[in-house]
C-alpha atoms as a PDB file:
ATOM      1  CA  MET A   1       0.000   0.000   0.000  1.00  0.00           C
ATOM      2  CA  GLY A   2       2.903   2.354   0.695  1.00  0.00           C
ATOM      3  CA  SER A   3       4.129   2.162  -2.891  1.00  0.00           C
ATOM      4  CA  ASP A   4       0.678   3.168  -4.164  1.00  0.00           C
ATOM      5  CA  SER A   5       0.638   6.328  -2.078  1.00  0.00           C
ATOM      6  CA  SER A   6       4.188   7.219  -3.099  1.00  0.00           C
ATOM      7  CA  ARG A   7       3.265   6.855  -6.785  1.00  0.00           C
ATOM      8  CA  ALA A   8       0.138   8.989  -6.580  1.00  0.00           C
ATOM      9  CA  PRO A   9       1.951  12.355  -6.848  1.00  0.00           C
ATOM     10  CA  LYS A  10       3.912  11.128  -9.875  1.00  0.00           C
ATOM     11  CA  VAL A  11       0.731   9.900 -11.555  1.00  0.00           C
ATOM     12  CA  GLN A  12      -0.907  13.286 -10.950  1.00  0.00           C
ATOM     13  CA  GLU A  13       2.182  15.075 -12.253  1.00  0.00           C
ATOM     14  CA  TYR A  14       2.138  13.051 -15.494  1.00  0.00           C
ATOM     15  CA  TYR A  15      -1.599  13.592 -15.886  1.00  0.00           C
ATOM     16  CA  ASP A  16      -1.373  17.359 -15.319  1.00  0.00           C
ATOM     17  CA  LEU A  17       1.512  17.667 -17.765  1.00  0.00           C
ATOM     18  CA  SER A  18      -0.470  15.636 -20.277  1.00  0.00           C
ATOM     19  CA  CYS A  19      -3.370  18.072 -19.964  1.00  0.00           C
ATOM     20  CA  ASN A  20      -1.002  20.999 -20.520  1.00  0.00           C
ATOM     21  CA  TYR A  21       0.418  19.383 -23.657  1.00  0.00           C
ATOM     22  CA  LEU A  22      -3.088  18.686 -24.929  1.00  0.00           C
ATOM     23  CA  GLU A  23      -4.103  22.321 -24.468  1.00  0.00           C
ATOM     24  CA  SER A  24      -0.978  23.385 -26.336  1.00  0.00           C
ATOM     25  CA  ALA A  25      -1.869  20.990 -29.154  1.00  0.00           C
ATOM     26  CA  LYS A  26      -5.370  22.463 -29.366  1.00  0.00           C
ATOM     27  CA  ILE A  27      -3.952  25.984 -29.633  1.00  0.00           C
ATOM     28  CA  SER A  28      -1.539  24.900 -32.360  1.00  0.00           C
ATOM     29  CA  LEU A  29      -4.340  23.160 -34.235  1.00  0.00           C
ATOM     30  CA  LYS A  30      -6.572  26.222 -33.971  1.00  0.00           C
ATOM     31  CA  ASN A  31      -3.753  28.259 -35.526  1.00  0.00           C
ATOM     32  CA  GLU A  32      -3.339  25.664 -38.292  1.00  0.00           C
ATOM     33  CA  LEU A  33       0.103  24.668 -37.029  1.00  0.00           C
ATOM     34  CA  PHE A  34      -0.450  21.018 -37.790  1.00  0.00           C
ATOM     35  CA  GLU A  35       3.022  19.570 -37.202  1.00  0.00           C
ATOM     36  CA  PRO A  36       3.463  21.209 -33.778  1.00  0.00           C
ATOM     37  CA  ALA A  37      -0.103  20.176 -32.898  1.00  0.00           C
ATOM     38  CA  MET A  38       0.643  16.575 -33.785  1.00  0.00           C
ATOM     39  CA  PHE A  39       3.952  16.637 -31.894  1.00  0.00           C
ATOM     40  CA  THR A  40       2.425  17.958 -28.686  1.00  0.00           C
ATOM     41  CA  ALA A  41      -0.641  15.725 -28.988  1.00  0.00           C
ATOM     42  CA  ILE A  42       1.619  12.668 -29.209  1.00  0.00           C
ATOM     43  CA  HIS A  43       3.457  13.771 -26.078  1.00  0.00           C
ATOM     44  CA  ALA A  44       0.146  14.376 -24.305  1.00  0.00           C
ATOM     45  CA  LEU A  45      -0.882  10.835 -25.165  1.00  0.00           C
ATOM     46  CA  GLU A  46       2.445   9.399 -23.999  1.00  0.00           C
ATOM     47  CA  LEU A  47       2.186  11.164 -20.645  1.00  0.00           C
ATOM     48  CA  ALA A  48      -1.424  10.097 -20.163  1.00  0.00           C
ATOM     49  CA  LEU A  49      -0.468   6.497 -20.908  1.00  0.00           C
ATOM     50  CA  LYS A  50       2.433   6.723 -18.493  1.00  0.00           C
ATOM     51  CA  ALA A  51       0.080   7.947 -15.769  1.00  0.00           C
ATOM     52  CA  ALA A  52      -2.397   5.171 -16.540  1.00  0.00           C
ATOM     53  CA  LEU A  53       0.292   2.509 -16.505  1.00  0.00           C
ATOM     54  CA  LEU A  54       1.632   3.708 -13.181  1.00  0.00           C
ATOM     55  CA  THR A  55      -1.808   3.307 -11.667  1.00  0.00           C
ATOM     56  CA  LYS A  56      -2.034  -0.282 -12.921  1.00  0.00           C
ATOM     57  CA  THR A  57       1.468  -1.644 -12.345  1.00  0.00           C
ATOM     58  CA  ALA A  58       2.942  -2.793  -9.082  1.00  0.00           C
ATOM     59  CA  ASP A  59       6.499  -1.831 -10.079  1.00  0.00           C
ATOM     60  CA  ALA A  60       7.252   1.836 -10.612  1.00  0.00           C
END
């Protein structure tokens, strides 16, 4: 149980950063900057997956 509570801040950090990257991607897309939008959207997805995996795995 101790490892779960120690991972929680890291999971939240990855999730928050993912949300920031996603917002940046939306702004780029709105300005028709397609390559930067795709780049930041991919990173948002990677961070969200990392957060999800940390919640599901026993080993950090």
